[in-house]
C-alpha atoms as a PDB file:
ATOM      1  CA  UNK A   1       0.348   7.533  -2.249  1.00  0.00           C
ATOM      2  CA  UNK A   2       3.104   9.652  -0.825  1.00  0.00           C
ATOM      3  CA  UNK A   3       5.358   6.643  -0.513  1.00  0.00           C
ATOM      4  CA  UNK A   4       4.958   5.660  -4.191  1.00  0.00           C
ATOM      5  CA  UNK A   5       5.368   9.285  -5.370  1.00  0.00           C
ATOM      6  CA  UNK A   6       8.581   9.539  -3.327  1.00  0.00           C
ATOM      7  CA  UNK A   7       9.840   6.216  -4.773  1.00  0.00           C
ATOM      8  CA  UNK A   8       9.296   7.454  -8.286  1.00  0.00           C
ATOM      9  CA  UNK A   9      11.160  10.678  -7.573  1.00  0.00           C
ATOM     10  CA  UNK A  10      14.191   8.815  -6.180  1.00  0.00           C
ATOM     11  CA  UNK A  11      14.399   5.960  -8.603  1.00  0.00           C
ATOM     12  CA  UNK A  12      12.990   7.443 -11.819  1.00  0.00           C
ATOM     13  CA  UNK A  13      10.008   6.413 -13.964  1.00  0.00           C
ATOM     14  CA  UNK A  14       8.424   2.931 -13.725  1.00  0.00           C
ATOM     15  CA  UNK A  15       6.600   1.180 -16.435  1.00  0.00           C
ATOM     16  CA  UNK A  16       3.921  -0.254 -14.147  1.00  0.00           C
ATOM     17  CA  UNK A  17       3.153  -0.503 -10.481  1.00  0.00           C
ATOM     18  CA  UNK A  18       1.254  -3.518  -9.168  1.00  0.00           C
ATOM     19  CA  UNK A  19      -0.048  -2.925  -5.666  1.00  0.00           C
ATOM     20  CA  UNK A  20      -0.956  -6.113  -3.861  1.00  0.00           C
ATOM     21  CA  UNK A  21      -3.119  -5.471  -0.824  1.00  0.00           C
ATOM     22  CA  UNK A  22      -3.649  -7.857   2.037  1.00  0.00           C
ATOM     23  CA  UNK A  23      -6.418 -10.429   1.848  1.00  0.00           C
ATOM     24  CA  UNK A  24      -8.708  -8.352   4.085  1.00  0.00           C
ATOM     25  CA  UNK A  25      -8.267  -5.007   2.353  1.00  0.00           C
ATOM     26  CA  UNK A  26     -11.212  -2.967   0.961  1.00  0.00           C
ATOM     27  CA  UNK A  27     -10.140  -1.730  -2.480  1.00  0.00           C
ATOM     28  CA  UNK A  28     -12.815   0.974  -2.252  1.00  0.00           C
ATOM     29  CA  UNK A  29     -10.660   2.875   0.209  1.00  0.00           C
ATOM     30  CA  UNK A  30      -7.620   2.820  -2.068  1.00  0.00           C
ATOM     31  CA  UNK A  31      -8.949   3.186  -5.613  1.00  0.00           C
ATOM     32  CA  UNK A  32      -9.996   6.838  -5.523  1.00  0.00           C
ATOM     33  CA  UNK A  33      -6.587   7.930  -4.331  1.00  0.00           C
ATOM     34  CA  UNK A  34      -4.914   6.613  -7.429  1.00  0.00           C
ATOM     35  CA  UNK A  35      -7.696   7.275  -9.891  1.00  0.00           C
ATOM     36  CA  UNK A  36      -8.096  10.959  -9.029  1.00  0.00           C
ATOM     37  CA  UNK A  37      -4.313  11.539  -8.538  1.00  0.00           C
ATOM     38  CA  UNK A  38      -3.857  11.819 -12.303  1.00  0.00           C
ATOM     39  CA  UNK A  39      -5.846  15.041 -12.219  1.00  0.00           C
ATOM     40  CA  UNK A  40      -3.290  16.436  -9.689  1.00  0.00           C
ATOM     41  CA  UNK A  41      -0.496  16.262 -12.241  1.00  0.00           C
ATOM     42  CA  UNK A  42       0.871  12.922 -11.125  1.00  0.00           C
ATOM     43  CA  UNK A  43       2.267  10.350 -13.540  1.00  0.00           C
ATOM     44  CA  UNK A  44       0.478   7.666 -11.600  1.00  0.00           C
ATOM     45  CA  UNK A  45      -3.066   6.717 -12.551  1.00  0.00           C
ATOM     46  CA  UNK A  46      -5.383   3.835 -11.786  1.00  0.00           C
ATOM     47  CA  UNK A  47      -5.350   1.249 -14.542  1.00  0.00           C
ATOM     48  CA  UNK A  48      -7.821  -1.211 -12.890  1.00  0.00           C
ATOM     49  CA  UNK A  49      -8.574  -3.465  -9.934  1.00  0.00           C
ATOM     50  CA  UNK A  50      -8.033  -7.262 -10.143  1.00  0.00           C
ATOM     51  CA  UNK A  51      -9.640  -9.574  -7.683  1.00  0.00           C
ATOM     52  CA  UNK A  52      -8.408 -13.257  -7.341  1.00  0.00           C
ATOM     53  CA  UNK A  53     -11.077 -15.762  -6.572  1.00  0.00           C
ATOM     54  CA  UNK A  54     -10.571 -19.334  -5.273  1.00  0.00           C
ATOM     55  CA  UNK A  55     -13.062 -21.406  -7.376  1.00  0.00           C
ATOM     56  CA  UNK A  56     -13.172 -24.163  -4.770  1.00  0.00           C
ATOM     57  CA  UNK A  57     -14.022 -21.953  -1.766  1.00  0.00           C
ATOM     58  CA  UNK A  58     -15.557 -18.667  -3.030  1.00  0.00           C
ATOM     59  CA  UNK A  59     -19.211 -19.681  -2.570  1.00  0.00           C
ATOM     60  CA  UNK A  60     -18.566 -20.653   0.998  1.00  0.00           C
ATOM     61  CA  UNK A  61     -16.726 -17.358   1.664  1.00  0.00           C
ATOM     62  CA  UNK A  62     -19.643 -15.338   0.220  1.00  0.00           C
ATOM     63  CA  UNK A  63     -22.122 -17.082   2.575  1.00  0.00           C
ATOM     64  CA  UNK A  64     -19.873 -17.239   5.647  1.00  0.00           C
ATOM     65  CA  UNK A  65     -21.064 -14.776   8.412  1.00  0.00           C
ATOM     66  CA  UNK A  66     -17.513 -14.896   9.879  1.00  0.00           C
ATOM     67  CA  UNK A  67     -16.356 -12.868   6.903  1.00  0.00           C
ATOM     68  CA  UNK A  68     -18.687  -9.990   7.623  1.00  0.00           C
ATOM     69  CA  UNK A  69     -17.256  -6.528   6.856  1.00  0.00           C
ATOM     70  CA  UNK A  70     -16.822  -4.412   9.909  1.00  0.00           C
ATOM     71  CA  UNK A  71     -18.791  -1.167  10.079  1.00  0.00           C
ATOM     72  CA  UNK A  72     -21.866  -2.625   8.415  1.00  0.00           C
ATOM     73  CA  UNK A  73     -23.575  -4.108  11.423  1.00  0.00           C
ATOM     74  CA  UNK A  74     -26.461  -1.688  11.183  1.00  0.00           C
ATOM     75  CA  UNK A  75     -27.256  -2.964   7.718  1.00  0.00           C
ATOM     76  CA  UNK A  76     -26.664  -6.661   8.420  1.00  0.00           C
ATOM     77  CA  UNK A  77     -29.271  -6.723  11.184  1.00  0.00           C
ATOM     78  CA  UNK A  78     -31.983  -6.578   8.623  1.00  0.00           C
ATOM     79  CA  UNK A  79     -30.440  -7.923   5.462  1.00  0.00           C
ATOM     80  CA  UNK A  80     -28.009 -10.408   3.928  1.00  0.00           C
ATOM     81  CA  UNK A  81     -24.515 -10.451   5.367  1.00  0.00           C
ATOM     82  CA  UNK A  82     -21.878  -8.522   3.325  1.00  0.00           C
ATOM     83  CA  UNK A  83     -18.562 -10.278   3.413  1.00  0.00           C
ATOM     84  CA  UNK A  84     -15.133  -9.136   2.430  1.00  0.00           C
ATOM     85  CA  UNK A  85     -15.470 -11.338  -0.630  1.00  0.00           C
ATOM     86  CA  UNK A  86     -18.527  -9.355  -1.739  1.00  0.00           C
ATOM     87  CA  UNK A  87     -16.734  -6.053  -1.391  1.00  0.00           C
ATOM     88  CA  UNK A  88     -13.602  -7.165  -3.245  1.00  0.00           C
ATOM     89  CA  UNK A  89     -15.652  -8.671  -6.140  1.00  0.00           C
ATOM     90  CA  UNK A  90     -17.982  -5.587  -6.315  1.00  0.00           C
ATOM     91  CA  UNK A  91     -14.949  -3.257  -6.946  1.00  0.00           C
ATOM     92  CA  UNK A  92     -13.129  -5.407  -9.389  1.00  0.00           C
ATOM     93  CA  UNK A  93     -12.596  -4.575 -13.130  1.00  0.00           C
ATOM     94  CA  UNK A  94     -11.168  -8.021 -13.649  1.00  0.00           C
ATOM     95  CA  UNK A  95     -11.908 -11.206 -11.650  1.00  0.00           C
ATOM     96  CA  UNK A  96      -9.512 -14.127 -11.987  1.00  0.00           C
ATOM     97  CA  UNK A  97     -11.197 -17.399 -11.037  1.00  0.00           C
ATOM     98  CA  UNK A  98      -8.268 -19.720 -10.201  1.00  0.00           C
ATOM     99  CA  UNK A  99      -8.142 -23.420  -9.197  1.00  0.00           C
ATOM    100  CA  UNK A 100     -10.750 -24.290 -11.852  1.00  0.00           C
ATOM    101  CA  UNK A 101      -9.141 -27.705 -11.991  1.00  0.00           C
ATOM    102  CA  UNK A 102     -10.511 -28.453  -8.477  1.00  0.00           C
ATOM    103  CA  UNK A 103     -14.162 -28.063  -9.400  1.00  0.00           C
ATOM    104  CA  UNK A 104     -16.617 -29.617 -11.930  1.00  0.00           C
ATOM    105  CA  UNK A 105     -17.991 -27.663 -14.893  1.00  0.00           C
ATOM    106  CA  UNK A 106     -21.293 -27.275 -13.045  1.00  0.00           C
ATOM    107  CA  UNK A 107     -19.537 -25.899  -9.930  1.00  0.00           C
ATOM    108  CA  UNK A 108     -17.486 -23.541 -12.080  1.00  0.00           C
ATOM    109  CA  UNK A 109     -20.525 -22.178 -13.807  1.00  0.00           C
ATOM    110  CA  UNK A 110     -22.212 -21.610 -10.475  1.00  0.00           C
ATOM    111  CA  UNK A 111     -19.171 -19.631  -9.341  1.00  0.00           C
ATOM    112  CA  UNK A 112     -19.169 -17.526 -12.541  1.00  0.00           C
ATOM    113  CA  UNK A 113     -22.901 -16.858 -12.308  1.00  0.00           C
ATOM    114  CA  UNK A 114     -22.630 -15.728  -8.716  1.00  0.00           C
ATOM    115  CA  UNK A 115     -19.771 -13.403  -9.543  1.00  0.00           C
ATOM    116  CA  UNK A 116     -21.722 -11.921 -12.479  1.00  0.00           C
ATOM    117  CA  UNK A 117     -24.758 -11.351 -10.300  1.00  0.00           C
ATOM    118  CA  UNK A 118     -22.572  -9.310  -7.935  1.00  0.00           C
ATOM    119  CA  UNK A 119     -20.561  -7.457 -10.526  1.00  0.00           C
ATOM    120  CA  UNK A 120     -21.874  -7.527 -14.068  1.00  0.00           C
ATOM    121  CA  UNK A 121     -19.175  -5.181 -15.375  1.00  0.00           C
ATOM    122  CA  UNK A 122     -16.077  -7.157 -14.504  1.00  0.00           C
ATOM    123  CA  UNK A 123     -14.246  -9.316 -17.003  1.00  0.00           C
ATOM    124  CA  UNK A 124     -13.891 -12.967 -15.766  1.00  0.00           C
ATOM    125  CA  UNK A 125     -10.787 -15.027 -16.501  1.00  0.00           C
ATOM    126  CA  UNK A 126     -10.819 -18.695 -15.555  1.00  0.00           C
ATOM    127  CA  UNK A 127      -7.355 -20.105 -14.721  1.00  0.00           C
ATOM    128  CA  UNK A 128      -5.810 -23.236 -13.354  1.00  0.00           C
ATOM    129  CA  UNK A 129      -2.635 -22.987 -11.186  1.00  0.00           C
ATOM    130  CA  UNK A 130      -2.553 -19.298 -12.019  1.00  0.00           C
ATOM    131  CA  UNK A 131      -1.653 -19.781 -15.647  1.00  0.00           C
ATOM    132  CA  UNK A 132      -2.766 -17.006 -18.053  1.00  0.00           C
ATOM    133  CA  UNK A 133      -1.998 -16.586 -21.768  1.00  0.00           C
ATOM    134  CA  UNK A 134      -0.431 -13.174 -21.281  1.00  0.00           C
ATOM    135  CA  UNK A 135      -0.217 -10.342 -18.811  1.00  0.00           C
ATOM    136  CA  UNK A 136      -1.170  -7.407 -21.025  1.00  0.00           C
ATOM    137  CA  UNK A 137      -4.917  -7.012 -21.332  1.00  0.00           C
ATOM    138  CA  UNK A 138      -5.570  -9.657 -18.711  1.00  0.00           C
ATOM    139  CA  UNK A 139      -3.922  -8.326 -15.501  1.00  0.00           C
ATOM    140  CA  UNK A 140      -2.009  -5.289 -16.763  1.00  0.00           C
ATOM    141  CA  UNK A 141      -2.792  -2.442 -19.174  1.00  0.00           C
ATOM    142  CA  UNK A 142      -6.549  -2.744 -18.432  1.00  0.00           C
ATOM    143  CA  UNK A 143      -7.497   0.842 -19.056  1.00  0.00           C
ATOM    144  CA  UNK A 144     -10.575   0.183 -17.006  1.00  0.00           C
ATOM    145  CA  UNK A 145     -11.176   3.865 -16.235  1.00  0.00           C
ATOM    146  CA  UNK A 146     -11.037   5.100 -19.826  1.00  0.00           C
ATOM    147  CA  UNK A 147     -13.047   2.306 -21.403  1.00  0.00           C
ATOM    148  CA  UNK A 148     -16.792   1.619 -21.653  1.00  0.00           C
ATOM    149  CA  UNK A 149     -16.861  -1.379 -24.016  1.00  0.00           C
ATOM    150  CA  UNK A 150     -18.391  -3.632 -21.297  1.00  0.00           C
ATOM    151  CA  UNK A 151     -21.589  -1.475 -21.241  1.00  0.00           C
ATOM    152  CA  UNK A 152     -22.537  -3.104 -24.516  1.00  0.00           C
ATOM    153  CA  UNK A 153     -23.385  -6.375 -22.812  1.00  0.00           C
ATOM    154  CA  UNK A 154     -27.069  -7.350 -22.991  1.00  0.00           C
ATOM    155  CA  UNK A 155     -27.250  -9.216 -19.679  1.00  0.00           C
ATOM    156  CA  UNK A 156     -26.216  -6.459 -17.258  1.00  0.00           C
ATOM    157  CA  UNK A 157     -28.261  -6.219 -14.158  1.00  0.00           C
ATOM    158  CA  UNK A 158     -30.704  -9.094 -14.622  1.00  0.00           C
ATOM    159  CA  UNK A 159     -29.344 -11.683 -12.162  1.00  0.00           C
ATOM    160  CA  UNK A 160     -30.596 -12.034  -8.648  1.00  0.00           C
ATOM    161  CA  UNK A 161     -28.473 -14.893  -7.427  1.00  0.00           C
ATOM    162  CA  UNK A 162     -26.841 -12.773  -4.704  1.00  0.00           C
ATOM    163  CA  UNK A 163     -29.090 -10.552  -2.599  1.00  0.00           C
ATOM    164  CA  UNK A 164     -26.208  -8.751  -0.885  1.00  0.00           C
ATOM    165  CA  UNK A 165     -24.576  -6.842  -3.731  1.00  0.00           C
ATOM    166  CA  UNK A 166     -25.987  -6.562  -7.176  1.00  0.00           C
ATOM    167  CA  UNK A 167     -25.612  -4.865 -10.564  1.00  0.00           C
ATOM    168  CA  UNK A 168     -28.360  -2.481 -11.832  1.00  0.00           C
ATOM    169  CA  UNK A 169     -28.487  -1.228 -15.412  1.00  0.00           C
ATOM    170  CA  UNK A 170     -30.529   1.830 -16.481  1.00  0.00           C
ATOM    171  CA  UNK A 171     -31.097   2.675 -20.114  1.00  0.00           C
ATOM    172  CA  UNK A 172     -30.943   6.428 -21.012  1.00  0.00           C
ATOM    173  CA  UNK A 173     -32.275   8.322 -23.979  1.00  0.00           C
ATOM    174  CA  UNK A 174     -30.207  10.867 -25.963  1.00  0.00           C
ATOM    175  CA  UNK A 175     -29.642  13.841 -23.690  1.00  0.00           C
ATOM    176  CA  UNK A 176     -29.401  17.624 -23.948  1.00  0.00           C
ATOM    177  CA  UNK A 177     -26.651  19.537 -22.257  1.00  0.00           C
ATOM    178  CA  UNK A 178     -29.208  20.522 -19.500  1.00  0.00           C
ATOM    179  CA  UNK A 179     -30.100  16.877 -18.986  1.00  0.00           C
ATOM    180  CA  UNK A 180     -26.380  15.949 -18.586  1.00  0.00           C
ATOM    181  CA  UNK A 181     -26.240  18.479 -15.803  1.00  0.00           C
ATOM    182  CA  UNK A 182     -29.279  16.836 -14.249  1.00  0.00           C
ATOM    183  CA  UNK A 183     -27.426  13.475 -14.405  1.00  0.00           C
ATOM    184  CA  UNK A 184     -24.486  15.170 -12.650  1.00  0.00           C
ATOM    185  CA  UNK A 185     -26.796  16.516  -9.911  1.00  0.00           C
ATOM    186  CA  UNK A 186     -28.455  13.065  -9.500  1.00  0.00           C
ATOM    187  CA  UNK A 187     -25.061  11.412  -9.064  1.00  0.00           C
ATOM    188  CA  UNK A 188     -23.997  14.022  -6.471  1.00  0.00           C
ATOM    189  CA  UNK A 189     -27.116  13.332  -4.500  1.00  0.00           C
ATOM    190  CA  UNK A 190     -26.820   9.565  -4.657  1.00  0.00           C
ATOM    191  CA  UNK A 191     -23.050   9.316  -4.099  1.00  0.00           C
ATOM    192  CA  UNK A 192     -22.368  12.302  -1.847  1.00  0.00           C
ATOM    193  CA  UNK A 193     -25.557  12.609   0.139  1.00  0.00           C
ATOM    194  CA  UNK A 194     -26.780   9.023  -0.017  1.00  0.00           C
ATOM    195  CA  UNK A 195     -30.151  10.342  -1.068  1.00  0.00           C
ATOM    196  CA  UNK A 196     -32.190   9.159  -4.087  1.00  0.00           C
ATOM    197  CA  UNK A 197     -34.149  12.067  -5.550  1.00  0.00           C
ATOM    198  CA  UNK A 198     -37.896  11.473  -5.411  1.00  0.00           C
ATOM    199  CA  UNK A 199     -37.548   8.454  -3.137  1.00  0.00           C
ATOM    200  CA  UNK A 200     -38.335   8.515   0.539  1.00  0.00           C
ATOM    201  CA  UNK A 201     -36.447   5.258   1.437  1.00  0.00           C
ATOM    202  CA  UNK A 202     -37.421   1.786   2.563  1.00  0.00           C
ATOM    203  CA  UNK A 203     -37.796   1.138   6.318  1.00  0.00           C
ATOM    204  CA  UNK A 204     -34.608   3.048   7.185  1.00  0.00           C
ATOM    205  CA  UNK A 205     -32.544   1.096   4.701  1.00  0.00           C
ATOM    206  CA  UNK A 206     -29.537   2.931   3.260  1.00  0.00           C
ATOM    207  CA  UNK A 207     -28.151   1.920  -0.088  1.00  0.00           C
ATOM    208  CA  UNK A 208     -24.436   1.735  -0.806  1.00  0.00           C
ATOM    209  CA  UNK A 209     -22.864   2.334  -4.280  1.00  0.00           C
ATOM    210  CA  UNK A 210     -19.474   0.658  -4.697  1.00  0.00           C
ATOM    211  CA  UNK A 211     -18.861   1.186  -8.396  1.00  0.00           C
ATOM    212  CA  UNK A 212     -20.581   2.863 -11.353  1.00  0.00           C
ATOM    213  CA  UNK A 213     -19.954   3.308 -15.009  1.00  0.00           C
ATOM    214  CA  UNK A 214     -21.988   4.942 -17.696  1.00  0.00           C
ATOM    215  CA  UNK A 215     -22.256   6.199 -21.238  1.00  0.00           C
ATOM    216  CA  UNK A 216     -24.179   9.410 -21.912  1.00  0.00           C
ATOM    217  CA  UNK A 217     -25.169   9.979 -25.504  1.00  0.00           C
ATOM    218  CA  UNK A 218     -26.005  13.540 -26.358  1.00  0.00           C
ATOM    219  CA  UNK A 219     -28.592  14.723 -28.930  1.00  0.00           C
ATOM    220  CA  UNK A 220     -25.782  16.391 -30.912  1.00  0.00           C
ATOM    221  CA  UNK A 221     -24.031  13.080 -31.417  1.00  0.00           C
ATOM    222  CA  UNK A 222     -21.315  13.608 -28.789  1.00  0.00           C
ATOM    223  CA  UNK A 223     -20.688  11.082 -26.035  1.00  0.00           C
ATOM    224  CA  UNK A 224     -19.620  11.360 -22.394  1.00  0.00           C
ATOM    225  CA  UNK A 225     -18.325   8.664 -20.033  1.00  0.00           C
ATOM    226  CA  UNK A 226     -19.147   8.262 -16.366  1.00  0.00           C
ATOM    227  CA  UNK A 227     -16.815   6.537 -13.955  1.00  0.00           C
ATOM    228  CA  UNK A 228     -17.223   6.289 -10.235  1.00  0.00           C
ATOM    229  CA  UNK A 229     -15.824   4.467  -7.114  1.00  0.00           C
ATOM    230  CA  UNK A 230     -17.762   4.997  -3.844  1.00  0.00           C
ATOM    231  CA  UNK A 231     -18.394   8.740  -3.518  1.00  0.00           C
ATOM    232  CA  UNK A 232     -15.867   9.829  -6.213  1.00  0.00           C
ATOM    233  CA  UNK A 233     -17.065  10.173  -9.768  1.00  0.00           C
ATOM    234  CA  UNK A 234     -16.229  11.929 -12.982  1.00  0.00           C
ATOM    235  CA  UNK A 235     -18.024  12.736 -16.233  1.00  0.00           C
ATOM    236  CA  UNK A 236     -15.792  13.331 -19.232  1.00  0.00           C
ATOM    237  CA  UNK A 237     -15.618  13.209 -22.949  1.00  0.00           C
ATOM    238  CA  UNK A 238     -15.494   9.807 -24.627  1.00  0.00           C
ATOM    239  CA  UNK A 239     -12.369   9.733 -26.657  1.00  0.00           C
ATOM    240  CA  UNK A 240     -12.303   5.994 -27.130  1.00  0.00           C
ATOM    241  CA  UNK A 241     -13.117   3.909 -30.220  1.00  0.00           C
ATOM    242  CA  UNK A 242     -16.461   2.499 -29.086  1.00  0.00           C
ATOM    243  CA  UNK A 243     -19.252   4.485 -30.621  1.00  0.00           C
ATOM    244  CA  UNK A 244     -22.813   4.637 -29.377  1.00  0.00           C
ATOM    245  CA  UNK A 245     -24.083   3.197 -32.595  1.00  0.00           C
ATOM    246  CA  UNK A 246     -21.905   0.075 -32.087  1.00  0.00           C
ATOM    247  CA  UNK A 247     -22.548  -0.404 -28.373  1.00  0.00           C
ATOM    248  CA  UNK A 248     -25.772   1.286 -27.539  1.00  0.00           C
ATOM    249  CA  UNK A 249     -27.631   2.157 -30.745  1.00  0.00           C
ATOM    250  CA  UNK A 250     -27.768   5.836 -29.860  1.00  0.00           C
ATOM    251  CA  UNK A 251     -28.872   5.210 -26.291  1.00  0.00           C
ATOM    252  CA  UNK A 252     -26.922   5.691 -23.152  1.00  0.00           C
ATOM    253  CA  UNK A 253     -26.575   3.520 -20.071  1.00  0.00           C
ATOM    254  CA  UNK A 254     -25.851   3.884 -16.387  1.00  0.00           C
ATOM    255  CA  UNK A 255     -24.667   0.785 -14.458  1.00  0.00           C
ATOM    256  CA  UNK A 256     -24.540   0.708 -10.640  1.00  0.00           C
ATOM    257  CA  UNK A 257     -22.976  -1.935  -8.417  1.00  0.00           C
ATOM    258  CA  UNK A 258     -23.880  -1.841  -4.779  1.00  0.00           C
ATOM    259  CA  UNK A 259     -25.991  -2.936  -1.782  1.00  0.00           C
ATOM    260  CA  UNK A 260     -29.685  -2.708  -1.295  1.00  0.00           C
ATOM    261  CA  UNK A 261     -30.240  -1.516  -4.860  1.00  0.00           C
ATOM    262  CA  UNK A 262     -33.429  -3.565  -5.222  1.00  0.00           C
ATOM    263  CA  UNK A 263     -35.016  -1.713  -2.347  1.00  0.00           C
ATOM    264  CA  UNK A 264     -34.978   1.557  -4.297  1.00  0.00           C
ATOM    265  CA  UNK A 265     -36.350   2.654  -7.678  1.00  0.00           C
ATOM    266  CA  UNK A 266     -33.136   4.121  -9.130  1.00  0.00           C
ATOM    267  CA  UNK A 267     -34.465   3.975 -12.735  1.00  0.00           C
ATOM    268  CA  UNK A 268     -37.540   6.084 -12.087  1.00  0.00           C
ATOM    269  CA  UNK A 269     -35.579   8.549  -9.988  1.00  0.00           C
ATOM    270  CA  UNK A 270     -32.954   9.123 -12.653  1.00  0.00           C
ATOM    271  CA  UNK A 271     -35.351   9.175 -15.648  1.00  0.00           C
ATOM    272  CA  UNK A 272     -37.843  11.509 -13.962  1.00  0.00           C
ATOM    273  CA  UNK A 273     -35.049  13.918 -13.078  1.00  0.00           C
ATOM    274  CA  UNK A 274     -33.742  13.813 -16.702  1.00  0.00           C
ATOM    275  CA  UNK A 275     -37.215  14.257 -18.155  1.00  0.00           C
ATOM    276  CA  UNK A 276     -37.906  17.373 -15.949  1.00  0.00           C
ATOM    277  CA  UNK A 277     -34.641  18.870 -17.261  1.00  0.00           C
ATOM    278  CA  UNK A 278     -35.624  18.675 -20.942  1.00  0.00           C
END
């Protein structure tokens, strides 16, 4: 972060910065630095995270114990192995599935379904030899952290193809201001304390939230957006063009992407807390 800030001071203003990490990097460690830096008065902000997937080999990578993420041994002893591929897909706003020419249509669909089961929020672009129709809107200028249009998808959180990391969708009613504060408190407990209100846990299992996004519809017609990466989250006014009537019919939605989500009743926990705050 300091190096990039220094570069901008010395050389002037850049149109766009594309940061390519190494193949073994965990984007969850980097994303909050850039996303939250905008609030510190910086001209740098996080536009989005793009993950490149090899269509020919991704399924093997997801199932390969050799790709296990370090630091998760305590979880892997009693659950599916979480690989680097899982982590990089779970944090992505866009997934580019390349080398589609090396697989059949059936194999390609299996790859796409597996990716969607891990991350139901990400946009998927299928390419061959890295050819895309344009950069803007595909790899650049994503505005992933000030957009909630993908929350209108009807199939979020229903796939169970991958037991390691999954997407969970929770429908929310119109909320009062007090209930929005309850949602904020719930997020702080889940993301900061790793505790699910009203849930005692499952055999010592600890869940992990990698990414979250939400729309909160208030009873006065206003809307708020929720964005989060790991333990960092923000609730702010929705100034975009997508209305609740268009995307959610007056109802809100919270979408979580993470590990061991099926072992906990996130929906009951959140809805009970919201109901008590009415």
